[in-house]
Protein backbone atom coordinates (compact mmCIF):
# COMPACT_ATOMS: atom_id res chain seq x y z
CA MET A 1 20.23 -99.26 -6.15
CA PRO A 2 19.67 -102.50 -8.12
CA LEU A 3 19.30 -100.64 -11.42
CA GLY A 4 19.04 -96.92 -10.67
CA THR A 5 22.29 -96.04 -12.41
CA GLN A 6 21.43 -98.06 -15.52
CA LEU A 7 17.83 -96.87 -15.73
CA PHE A 8 18.70 -93.18 -15.57
CA HIS A 9 21.58 -93.77 -17.99
CA HIS A 10 19.11 -95.19 -20.52
CA ALA A 11 16.83 -92.18 -19.93
CA ARG A 12 19.68 -89.83 -20.84
CA GLN A 13 21.08 -91.80 -23.76
CA ARG A 14 17.84 -93.13 -25.31
CA PRO A 15 15.06 -90.93 -23.89
CA THR A 16 12.39 -91.83 -26.46
CA ALA A 17 13.03 -95.59 -26.45
CA LEU A 18 10.07 -97.58 -25.12
CA ALA A 19 10.78 -98.85 -21.61
CA VAL A 20 7.51 -100.43 -20.48
CA SER A 21 4.17 -101.41 -21.97
CA LEU A 22 1.87 -102.69 -19.23
CA SER A 23 -1.88 -103.19 -19.23
CA GLY A 24 -2.48 -100.72 -22.05
CA GLN A 25 -0.13 -97.95 -20.88
CA GLN A 26 3.34 -97.15 -22.16
CA TRP A 27 6.37 -95.26 -20.85
CA SER A 28 9.51 -94.16 -22.65
CA TYR A 29 12.72 -94.29 -20.63
CA ARG A 30 12.57 -90.51 -20.15
CA GLY A 31 8.89 -90.66 -19.22
CA LEU A 32 9.50 -93.49 -16.76
CA ALA A 33 12.43 -91.62 -15.16
CA ASP A 34 10.26 -88.51 -14.76
CA GLN A 35 7.45 -90.56 -13.19
CA ILE A 36 9.95 -92.16 -10.80
CA GLY A 37 11.07 -88.65 -9.82
CA ARG A 38 7.48 -87.62 -9.04
CA ILE A 39 6.80 -90.71 -6.95
CA ASP A 40 10.15 -90.27 -5.18
CA HIS A 41 9.18 -86.68 -4.37
CA ALA A 42 5.75 -87.70 -3.03
CA LEU A 43 7.20 -90.48 -0.89
CA ARG A 44 9.90 -88.29 0.62
CA ASP A 45 7.18 -85.85 1.69
CA LEU A 46 5.53 -88.57 3.81
CA PRO A 47 6.40 -88.61 7.51
CA ALA A 48 8.72 -91.51 8.33
CA LYS A 49 7.39 -94.39 10.42
CA ARG A 50 9.23 -96.83 12.63
CA HIS A 51 9.79 -99.92 10.50
CA HIS A 52 10.56 -103.54 11.32
CA THR A 53 14.03 -103.79 12.85
CA ASP A 54 15.30 -106.06 10.05
CA ILE A 55 14.33 -103.57 7.33
CA GLN A 56 17.14 -101.15 6.55
CA LEU A 57 16.30 -97.89 4.77
CA PRO A 58 18.06 -94.56 4.31
CA SER A 59 16.56 -91.63 6.21
CA HIS A 60 14.67 -90.51 3.10
CA GLY A 61 13.43 -94.03 2.28
CA ARG A 62 9.79 -95.07 2.64
CA ILE A 63 7.92 -98.37 2.25
CA MET A 64 5.18 -98.70 -0.37
CA ALA A 65 2.75 -101.60 0.02
CA LEU A 66 1.37 -102.76 -3.34
CA ALA A 67 -1.72 -104.94 -3.71
CA ILE A 68 -2.64 -103.94 -7.25
CA GLY A 69 -1.73 -106.94 -9.38
CA ASN A 70 -0.69 -105.94 -12.90
CA HIS A 71 -2.47 -102.59 -12.92
CA SER A 72 -0.48 -100.19 -15.10
CA ALA A 73 0.53 -98.16 -12.02
CA ALA A 74 2.66 -101.12 -10.89
CA ALA A 75 5.32 -100.27 -13.50
CA PRO A 76 6.44 -96.84 -12.20
CA LEU A 77 5.92 -97.87 -8.56
CA LEU A 78 8.13 -100.96 -8.90
CA ALA A 79 10.68 -98.99 -10.92
CA THR A 80 10.77 -96.42 -8.09
CA ALA A 81 11.75 -99.12 -5.60
CA LEU A 82 14.38 -100.44 -8.01
CA GLY A 83 15.81 -97.02 -8.87
CA THR A 84 15.61 -94.92 -5.68
CA GLY A 85 16.03 -95.35 -1.93
CA HIS A 86 12.47 -96.56 -1.29
CA ALA A 87 11.26 -100.12 -0.75
CA VAL A 88 8.20 -101.98 -1.98
CA MET A 89 6.17 -104.50 0.01
CA LEU A 90 4.69 -106.63 -2.74
CA MET A 91 1.48 -108.50 -1.92
CA ASP A 92 -0.30 -110.89 -4.25
CA ALA A 93 -3.69 -109.46 -5.24
CA GLN A 94 -5.04 -113.05 -5.22
CA TRP A 95 -4.56 -113.35 -1.48
CA PRO A 96 -7.61 -113.11 0.77
CA GLU A 97 -7.92 -109.56 2.10
CA GLN A 98 -7.68 -110.76 5.70
CA GLN A 99 -4.28 -112.21 4.91
CA MET A 100 -3.12 -108.89 3.50
CA ILE A 101 -4.47 -107.09 6.57
CA THR A 102 -2.42 -109.41 8.80
CA LEU A 103 0.72 -108.59 6.82
CA LEU A 104 -0.06 -104.88 6.87
CA ASP A 105 -0.18 -105.04 10.68
CA ALA A 106 3.03 -107.06 10.91
CA TYR A 107 5.03 -104.81 8.55
CA PRO A 108 3.34 -101.37 8.54
CA PRO A 109 4.13 -99.45 5.34
CA ASP A 110 4.29 -95.70 4.90
CA ILE A 111 1.68 -95.81 2.12
CA LEU A 112 -0.64 -98.38 0.52
CA PHE A 113 -1.47 -98.61 -3.17
CA ALA A 114 -4.63 -100.69 -3.58
CA LEU A 115 -7.71 -101.30 -5.72
CA SER A 116 -11.16 -99.92 -4.95
CA THR A 117 -12.54 -103.49 -4.83
CA GLN A 118 -10.35 -104.27 -1.80
CA GLN A 119 -12.75 -102.59 0.59
CA SER A 120 -11.74 -104.40 3.79
CA LEU A 121 -8.04 -103.83 3.16
CA VAL A 122 -8.55 -100.15 2.39
CA ALA A 123 -10.78 -99.61 5.43
CA HIS A 124 -8.22 -101.27 7.70
CA ALA A 125 -5.36 -99.20 6.28
CA LYS A 126 -7.29 -96.00 6.91
CA SER A 127 -8.09 -97.11 10.47
CA GLN A 128 -4.33 -97.45 11.01
CA ASN A 129 -3.66 -94.00 9.51
CA ILE A 130 -1.84 -95.48 6.52
CA PRO A 131 -2.19 -93.13 3.51
CA THR A 132 -3.93 -95.02 0.71
CA VAL A 133 -4.05 -94.47 -3.05
CA LEU A 134 -6.67 -96.30 -5.12
CA VAL A 135 -4.86 -96.68 -8.41
CA ASP A 136 -7.98 -97.65 -10.37
CA LYS A 137 -9.65 -94.41 -9.25
CA SER A 138 -6.68 -92.15 -10.02
CA ASP A 139 -6.33 -90.76 -13.54
CA ALA A 140 -2.69 -89.89 -12.89
CA LEU A 141 -0.15 -90.84 -10.24
CA PHE A 142 1.34 -87.71 -8.62
CA ASP A 143 1.40 -85.88 -11.98
CA ASP A 144 0.95 -82.57 -10.15
CA ILE A 145 4.25 -83.04 -8.29
CA PRO A 146 7.54 -82.07 -9.97
CA PRO A 147 10.15 -84.83 -10.37
CA ILE A 148 13.31 -84.72 -8.27
CA SER A 149 16.65 -86.47 -8.55
CA PRO A 150 17.18 -89.59 -6.43
CA LEU A 151 19.34 -89.46 -3.32
CA PRO A 152 22.04 -92.09 -2.79
CA SER A 153 21.36 -95.27 -0.84
CA SER A 154 23.50 -98.11 0.49
CA GLU A 155 23.85 -101.51 -1.16
CA THR A 156 22.72 -103.04 2.13
CA ASP A 157 19.45 -101.07 2.12
CA THR A 158 16.21 -102.98 1.61
CA PHE A 159 14.36 -102.43 -1.67
CA LEU A 160 11.95 -105.40 -1.66
CA ILE A 161 9.84 -106.99 1.06
CA GLY A 162 8.63 -110.20 -0.48
CA PHE A 163 6.60 -113.11 0.77
CA THR A 164 6.92 -116.83 0.36
CA SER A 165 4.62 -119.63 1.44
CA GLY A 166 5.61 -121.53 4.55
CA THR A 167 4.23 -124.10 6.93
CA THR A 168 1.73 -121.69 8.46
CA SER A 169 -1.26 -120.00 6.86
CA THR A 170 0.53 -116.64 6.78
CA PRO A 171 3.26 -116.17 4.14
CA LYS A 172 6.71 -115.53 5.56
CA ALA A 173 8.28 -112.17 4.81
CA PHE A 174 11.84 -111.69 3.64
CA ALA A 175 13.84 -108.61 2.73
CA ARG A 176 16.00 -108.24 -0.35
CA ASN A 177 18.83 -105.74 -0.25
CA ARG A 178 20.15 -103.89 -3.26
CA LYS A 179 23.44 -105.75 -3.36
CA SER A 180 21.78 -109.15 -3.82
CA TRP A 181 19.77 -108.11 -6.87
CA ARG A 182 22.64 -106.12 -8.34
CA ALA A 183 24.67 -109.32 -8.21
CA SER A 184 21.76 -111.25 -9.75
CA LEU A 185 21.33 -108.71 -12.56
CA ASP A 186 25.03 -108.81 -13.41
CA ALA A 187 24.96 -112.62 -13.51
CA SER A 188 21.75 -113.01 -15.51
CA ARG A 189 22.77 -110.41 -18.09
CA THR A 190 25.68 -112.69 -19.00
CA VAL A 191 23.87 -116.02 -18.66
CA PHE A 192 20.83 -114.91 -20.70
CA ALA A 193 22.89 -112.76 -23.13
CA LEU A 194 20.69 -109.71 -22.54
CA SER A 195 21.07 -106.47 -24.48
CA SER A 196 19.04 -103.40 -25.40
CA ASP A 197 17.46 -105.55 -28.13
CA SER A 198 16.11 -108.13 -25.64
CA HIS A 199 12.55 -106.81 -25.79
CA THR A 200 10.71 -109.08 -23.37
CA LEU A 201 7.16 -110.33 -22.97
CA ALA A 202 6.51 -111.62 -19.43
CA PRO A 203 2.74 -112.21 -19.21
CA GLY A 204 2.59 -113.47 -15.61
CA PRO A 205 1.73 -111.58 -12.40
CA LEU A 206 4.31 -109.05 -11.24
CA SER A 207 3.91 -110.36 -7.68
CA HIS A 208 5.48 -113.62 -8.94
CA GLY A 209 9.27 -113.65 -8.79
CA VAL A 210 9.73 -114.85 -12.38
CA THR A 211 7.84 -111.87 -13.84
CA LEU A 212 9.13 -109.31 -11.34
CA TYR A 213 12.72 -110.26 -12.07
CA ALA A 214 12.09 -110.15 -15.83
CA PHE A 215 10.81 -106.59 -15.35
CA ALA A 216 14.01 -105.59 -13.54
CA GLU A 217 16.50 -107.29 -15.86
CA THR A 218 14.78 -105.94 -18.99
CA LEU A 219 15.01 -102.35 -17.76
CA ASP A 220 18.57 -102.95 -16.61
CA ALA A 221 19.48 -104.01 -20.16
CA GLY A 222 17.73 -101.01 -21.72
CA ALA A 223 15.16 -103.09 -23.60
CA THR A 224 11.33 -102.95 -23.60
CA PHE A 225 9.24 -104.85 -21.05
CA HIS A 226 5.78 -105.99 -22.19
CA GLY A 227 3.33 -107.09 -19.48
CA LEU A 228 -0.38 -107.87 -19.47
CA ALA A 229 -3.22 -107.11 -17.08
CA ARG A 230 -3.82 -110.86 -17.02
CA PHE A 231 -2.54 -113.80 -19.01
CA SER A 232 -4.26 -114.07 -22.39
CA VAL A 233 -3.18 -116.53 -25.07
CA PRO A 234 -4.60 -114.44 -27.99
CA THR A 235 -2.92 -111.26 -26.72
CA CYS A 236 0.40 -113.03 -26.23
CA ARG A 237 0.25 -114.53 -29.70
CA ARG A 238 -0.50 -111.13 -31.23
CA LEU A 239 2.54 -109.62 -29.50
CA LEU A 240 4.77 -112.54 -30.43
CA LYS A 241 3.73 -112.22 -34.08
CA SER A 242 4.22 -108.44 -34.13
CA GLY A 243 8.00 -108.60 -34.16
CA ASP A 244 8.16 -106.25 -31.16
CA VAL A 245 9.11 -109.11 -28.82
CA ARG A 246 12.45 -110.91 -28.99
CA ARG A 247 12.28 -112.76 -25.68
CA LEU A 248 9.54 -114.60 -23.80
CA VAL A 249 9.70 -115.18 -20.02
CA ALA A 250 6.98 -117.48 -18.73
CA VAL A 251 6.34 -120.30 -16.29
CA PRO A 252 5.88 -123.71 -17.96
CA THR A 253 2.07 -123.61 -17.82
CA MET A 254 2.01 -120.40 -19.85
CA LEU A 255 4.74 -121.58 -22.20
CA ASP A 256 2.77 -124.76 -22.84
CA ALA A 257 -0.40 -122.78 -23.58
CA LEU A 258 1.49 -120.71 -26.16
CA SER A 259 3.22 -123.69 -27.78
CA THR A 260 0.25 -124.80 -29.85
CA SER A 261 0.28 -122.43 -32.80
CA SER A 262 2.34 -121.55 -35.85
CA PRO A 263 6.02 -120.74 -35.20
CA PHE A 264 7.11 -117.37 -33.82
CA ARG A 265 10.38 -116.85 -35.67
CA ALA A 266 11.11 -113.34 -34.35
CA VAL A 267 11.65 -114.70 -30.83
CA ASP A 268 15.29 -115.65 -30.26
CA ALA A 269 15.17 -116.36 -26.51
CA VAL A 270 12.77 -118.10 -24.14
CA THR A 271 13.31 -118.18 -20.38
CA THR A 272 11.23 -120.39 -18.13
CA ALA A 273 11.24 -121.30 -14.44
CA GLY A 274 8.89 -122.45 -11.71
CA ALA A 275 8.74 -126.14 -12.63
CA LYS A 276 10.76 -128.58 -14.69
CA LEU A 277 9.78 -128.60 -18.37
CA ALA A 278 8.33 -131.96 -19.34
CA PRO A 279 9.97 -133.52 -22.43
CA ALA A 280 6.74 -133.12 -24.42
CA SER A 281 6.52 -129.45 -23.41
CA LEU A 282 10.13 -128.82 -24.42
CA SER A 283 9.49 -130.46 -27.79
CA LYS A 284 6.44 -128.24 -28.41
CA ALA A 285 8.35 -125.14 -27.33
CA ARG A 286 11.15 -125.97 -29.77
CA ASP A 287 8.62 -126.28 -32.59
CA THR A 288 6.86 -123.03 -31.65
CA PHE A 289 10.07 -121.01 -31.15
CA PRO A 290 12.41 -122.52 -33.77
CA CYS A 291 14.93 -119.66 -33.64
CA ALA A 292 15.12 -119.43 -29.86
CA THR A 293 17.52 -120.71 -27.24
CA ILE A 294 15.38 -121.93 -24.36
CA CYS A 295 16.89 -121.25 -20.93
CA GLU A 296 15.35 -123.16 -18.05
CA TYR A 297 16.45 -122.11 -14.59
CA TYR A 298 15.86 -123.45 -11.12
CA GLY A 299 15.82 -121.16 -8.10
CA ALA A 300 13.78 -119.89 -5.19
CA SER A 301 12.65 -116.52 -3.84
CA GLU A 302 14.93 -116.99 -0.84
CA LEU A 303 17.96 -118.23 -2.80
CA GLY A 304 17.80 -116.46 -6.15
CA PHE A 305 19.24 -118.41 -9.08
CA VAL A 306 20.59 -121.90 -8.40
CA SER A 307 21.11 -123.64 -11.75
CA VAL A 308 20.35 -123.25 -15.45
CA SER A 309 20.13 -125.42 -18.56
CA ARG A 310 20.00 -124.35 -22.21
CA HIS A 311 18.15 -126.01 -25.06
CA THR A 312 18.70 -125.28 -28.73
CA GLN A 313 16.78 -126.90 -31.57
CA THR A 314 19.09 -129.89 -31.65
CA ALA A 315 20.75 -130.21 -28.26
CA SER A 316 20.64 -129.53 -24.53
CA ASP A 317 23.64 -128.81 -22.33
CA ALA A 318 22.31 -131.02 -19.51
CA PRO A 319 20.39 -134.31 -19.32
CA SER A 320 16.60 -134.20 -19.43
CA ASP A 321 16.35 -135.41 -15.82
CA SER A 322 18.44 -132.52 -14.47
CA VAL A 323 17.81 -128.85 -13.71
CA GLY A 324 21.12 -127.81 -15.21
CA ARG A 325 24.48 -126.63 -13.98
CA PRO A 326 25.23 -124.05 -11.28
CA PHE A 327 24.29 -120.49 -12.21
CA ALA A 328 27.06 -117.92 -12.62
CA HIS A 329 28.64 -116.90 -9.27
CA VAL A 330 26.77 -119.69 -7.42
CA THR A 331 28.47 -122.64 -5.70
CA LEU A 332 26.43 -125.77 -4.98
CA GLN A 333 26.94 -128.34 -2.26
CA LEU A 334 24.79 -131.34 -1.34
CA ARG A 335 24.81 -132.05 2.38
CA GLU A 336 23.37 -134.45 4.90
CA ASN A 337 23.65 -133.89 8.65
CA GLY A 338 26.14 -131.10 8.04
CA GLN A 339 28.44 -133.24 5.87
CA THR A 340 28.99 -133.16 2.11
CA VAL A 341 27.53 -136.23 0.37
CA PRO A 342 29.42 -138.10 -2.39
CA GLN A 343 28.56 -137.48 -6.03
CA GLY A 344 25.47 -139.40 -7.07
CA LYS A 345 24.06 -139.60 -3.54
CA VAL A 346 20.94 -137.72 -2.49
CA GLY A 347 21.44 -134.73 -0.21
CA THR A 348 19.94 -131.37 0.68
CA ILE A 349 20.87 -128.69 -1.87
CA PHE A 350 22.82 -125.78 -0.37
CA VAL A 351 24.06 -122.71 -2.24
CA ARG A 352 26.75 -120.15 -1.50
CA GLY A 353 26.89 -116.74 -3.14
CA ASP A 354 25.58 -113.19 -2.92
CA LEU A 355 22.04 -113.98 -4.10
CA ALA A 356 20.37 -115.51 -1.01
CA ILE A 357 18.49 -113.72 1.75
CA ASP A 358 19.83 -113.72 5.30
CA LYS A 359 16.64 -114.84 7.06
CA TYR A 360 12.91 -114.35 7.24
CA LEU A 361 11.94 -110.98 8.71
CA SER A 362 10.05 -112.56 11.58
CA GLY A 363 13.13 -114.54 12.53
CA ALA A 364 11.02 -117.66 12.14
CA THR A 365 12.49 -120.92 10.99
CA SER A 366 10.78 -123.48 8.80
CA HIS A 367 11.28 -126.86 7.23
CA GLY A 368 12.35 -124.91 4.14
CA PHE A 369 14.82 -122.01 4.24
CA ARG A 370 17.73 -122.08 6.64
CA ARG A 371 21.40 -121.17 6.77
CA GLU A 372 24.43 -123.14 7.86
CA GLY A 373 27.26 -120.62 7.92
CA PRO A 374 27.69 -119.14 4.42
CA TRP A 375 25.47 -121.86 2.92
CA ALA A 376 21.69 -121.53 2.42
CA THR A 377 18.92 -123.97 1.47
CA VAL A 378 15.16 -124.14 1.02
CA GLY A 379 15.17 -127.86 1.79
CA ASP A 380 15.22 -129.20 -1.75
CA LEU A 381 16.76 -132.63 -2.21
CA GLY A 382 18.96 -133.50 -5.17
CA ARG A 383 22.00 -135.31 -6.44
CA ILE A 384 24.88 -134.42 -8.75
CA LEU A 385 24.84 -136.42 -11.98
CA PRO A 386 28.06 -137.85 -13.47
CA GLU A 387 28.56 -134.99 -15.94
CA GLY A 388 28.15 -132.38 -13.18
CA SER A 389 24.56 -131.21 -13.54
CA LEU A 390 22.00 -131.17 -10.73
CA ALA A 391 19.00 -133.50 -10.53
CA LEU A 392 16.13 -132.31 -8.32
CA ILE A 393 14.65 -135.16 -6.29
CA GLY A 394 12.02 -133.67 -4.03
CA ARG A 395 11.38 -131.48 -1.05
CA GLU A 396 12.11 -131.84 2.63
CA GLY A 397 8.88 -131.81 4.58
CA GLY A 398 6.80 -132.72 1.52
CA MET A 399 6.76 -129.27 -0.09
CA VAL A 400 5.03 -129.26 -3.49
CA LEU A 401 6.12 -127.07 -6.40
CA THR A 402 2.95 -126.27 -8.37
CA GLY A 403 2.82 -123.78 -11.22
CA GLY A 404 5.94 -122.05 -9.94
CA TYR A 405 4.73 -121.72 -6.33
CA ASN A 406 6.07 -123.52 -3.28
CA VAL A 407 3.17 -124.96 -1.27
CA TYR A 408 3.16 -127.12 1.84
CA PRO A 409 0.24 -129.59 1.53
CA GLN A 410 -0.27 -129.65 5.30
CA GLU A 411 -0.99 -125.92 5.24
CA VAL A 412 -3.75 -126.47 2.67
CA ALA A 413 -5.17 -129.44 4.60
CA ASP A 414 -5.30 -127.38 7.80
CA THR A 415 -7.23 -124.67 5.97
CA LEU A 416 -9.70 -127.19 4.53
CA LEU A 417 -10.28 -128.62 7.99
CA ARG A 418 -11.58 -125.24 9.11
CA SER A 419 -14.74 -126.07 7.16
CA GLU A 420 -17.44 -127.69 9.29
CA GLN A 421 -18.18 -130.10 6.44
CA ILE A 422 -14.77 -131.77 6.59
CA SER A 423 -13.76 -134.16 9.34
CA ALA A 424 -10.41 -135.27 7.92
CA ALA A 425 -8.23 -134.10 5.04
CA GLN A 426 -5.09 -135.11 3.21
CA VAL A 427 -3.54 -133.02 0.44
CA LEU A 428 -1.08 -134.59 -1.98
CA GLY A 429 1.04 -133.48 -4.89
CA GLN A 430 0.36 -135.38 -8.10
CA GLU A 431 2.55 -135.17 -11.20
CA ASP A 432 1.08 -132.83 -13.81
CA ALA A 433 2.40 -132.06 -17.29
CA LEU A 434 1.51 -128.36 -17.05
CA LEU A 435 1.94 -127.46 -13.39
CA GLY A 436 4.82 -129.76 -12.54
CA GLN A 437 2.65 -131.02 -9.69
CA ARG A 438 -0.98 -130.34 -8.94
CA LEU A 439 -2.63 -130.32 -5.53
CA VAL A 440 -5.25 -132.99 -4.88
CA ALA A 441 -7.40 -133.07 -1.73
CA ILE A 442 -8.85 -136.26 -0.26
CA LEU A 443 -11.58 -135.52 2.26
CA GLU A 444 -13.89 -137.20 4.72
CA GLY A 445 -17.27 -135.73 5.64
CA ARG A 446 -20.63 -134.64 4.28
CA ILE A 447 -19.32 -132.28 1.64
CA ASP A 448 -21.18 -129.95 -0.69
CA TYR A 449 -19.10 -129.07 -3.74
CA PHE A 450 -20.22 -125.44 -3.97
CA ALA A 451 -19.72 -124.80 -0.26
CA LEU A 452 -16.27 -126.37 -0.53
CA LYS A 453 -15.30 -124.12 -3.44
CA ALA A 454 -16.60 -121.07 -1.58
CA HIS A 455 -14.52 -122.04 1.47
CA CYS A 456 -11.40 -122.31 -0.68
CA ALA A 457 -12.07 -118.99 -2.41
CA GLN A 458 -12.39 -117.28 0.96
CA HIS A 459 -9.33 -118.78 2.64
CA LEU A 460 -6.87 -119.86 -0.07
CA PRO A 461 -5.25 -118.08 -3.03
CA ASN A 462 -5.81 -119.77 -6.36
CA TYR A 463 -2.41 -121.46 -6.50
CA LYS A 464 -3.02 -123.16 -3.13
CA THR A 465 -6.49 -124.39 -4.08
CA PRO A 466 -6.53 -128.12 -4.96
CA ARG A 467 -7.26 -128.89 -8.60
CA ALA A 468 -9.27 -131.99 -7.70
CA PHE A 469 -11.26 -133.16 -4.67
CA TYR A 470 -12.10 -136.72 -3.66
CA ARG A 471 -14.24 -138.18 -0.88
CA VAL A 472 -13.12 -141.27 1.01
CA GLU A 473 -15.27 -143.38 3.31
CA ALA A 474 -12.46 -145.30 5.04
CA TRP A 475 -8.83 -144.20 5.22
CA PRO A 476 -5.99 -146.65 4.58
CA LEU A 477 -3.96 -146.86 7.77
CA THR A 478 -0.44 -147.87 8.71
CA SER A 479 0.24 -150.38 11.46
CA SER A 480 0.57 -147.50 13.91
CA GLY A 481 -2.87 -146.17 13.00
CA LYS A 482 -1.71 -143.23 10.88
CA ILE A 483 -3.13 -142.46 7.45
CA ALA A 484 -1.04 -144.24 4.83
CA ARG A 485 -0.18 -141.48 2.37
CA ALA A 486 1.70 -143.88 0.10
CA THR A 487 -1.48 -145.93 -0.29
CA LEU A 488 -3.47 -142.80 -1.10
CA GLU A 489 -0.93 -141.89 -3.77
CA SER A 490 -1.30 -145.37 -5.23
CA TRP A 491 -5.09 -145.06 -5.22
CA LEU A 492 -4.82 -141.76 -7.08
CA ASP A 493 -2.48 -143.16 -9.71
CA GLN A 494 -4.68 -146.22 -10.22
CA LYS A 495 -7.97 -144.26 -10.13
CA ASP A 496 -9.14 -146.54 -7.34
CA PRO A 497 -12.96 -146.44 -6.91
CA ARG A 498 -12.51 -145.93 -3.16
CA LEU A 499 -11.73 -142.32 -4.05
CA VAL A 500 -15.00 -140.72 -5.17
CA PRO A 501 -14.67 -137.45 -7.12
CA ILE A 502 -16.41 -134.43 -5.58
CA SER A 503 -18.03 -132.44 -8.37
CA PRO A 504 -21.09 -130.24 -9.00
CA ALA A 505 -23.00 -133.36 -10.00
CA SER A 506 -22.05 -135.39 -6.92
């Protein structure tokens, strides 16, 4: 179990200590352990189904599908997967319901926890005889069932079925076993200097790896995890001023939004990931959190941690153009065509350690994640700087990192082209101080702004929706007749009038 032993130890040693505060509800460590026991009991009573062949569970283990965002019920349900023999299939509540239905069919769970607003998803689950609990219609979660003690499970058992964006419209599924996160938790406890005093505010969505991992490592350390129903600057500031929070974990966009007020001197640690902090953002964060060490890490859902850099008020342990040095227990190697590249040369970043997944559940390959023997990569390109830190250069296949999410622009363009209004589409990544990169769509056709936005809302989650749309009358072409993406990028940077903004007024 990634943290079962630690969590139940905290429940015995510090039963009244606050474990979780999420969306207006709180649990002590004893209360959380009891709730885990009730959920464990209810899940074990479910008849077992035949699961995907790459998902390994003990005989008493069941799969919970969650599509509930940061509803308060997410805390005990996620803790149950972390602390018992069950697994959680974690779906982003922002996804279109049809996408979740597709995943439900591909990886049938033993039970679905959903929201009453997800009518199509709920109806489909019931048609497939999947027991369904509407958490926003339930006053209590299995409170009428007595708690039971967890049964042992193997370190190779699956506890998390996660999803990551790929080159197709359907996210790729991967399985995390208990050993990989136990290794991650042991490493991050040392790197981030976590203790029972590391009371953490992580205001992002629990379906996002940064927030989910913060939840796990905070409970593992015996501290208090604070989460919100949705990101709110005033609520975050109130918590940061209260003195109840010692550590903030947030993607750069959220950190930047919070770095515009008077200093929060009670916070002694800030952890951020998902995009490289811009120098201006780092400067503001230092001013806002003057007593904090700012840890900035680079990683991926498939790989886990890759590298980390630390920033104090006066110094950084790596150059500003790097993403830091290798994380604890991780070995880096830059390769090209199967061979190691010399220092300073650009190569594909490979990692070796216990933190990476083995493969996608479907067995599919992509331009991103792949393995070469004990080495794994998501296709990022980088080079090793003279002092030994890693500089991130870009992505194989044009992947864009926006707001902490990996997005393939071609996937977004293909979705846009499903609209009858659009005859041609190109989607580019443009540098952005908050998001790292933002998605920009350049389109050809007779396009109505409101119909375009409705199409995106129906078929794309928010993080894959372009932040700006432009119409073009004539595409720049290469000598071979292909659209010249480099020219489009130049037009964007220069605000060329041949790109006409698509807006409500256009």
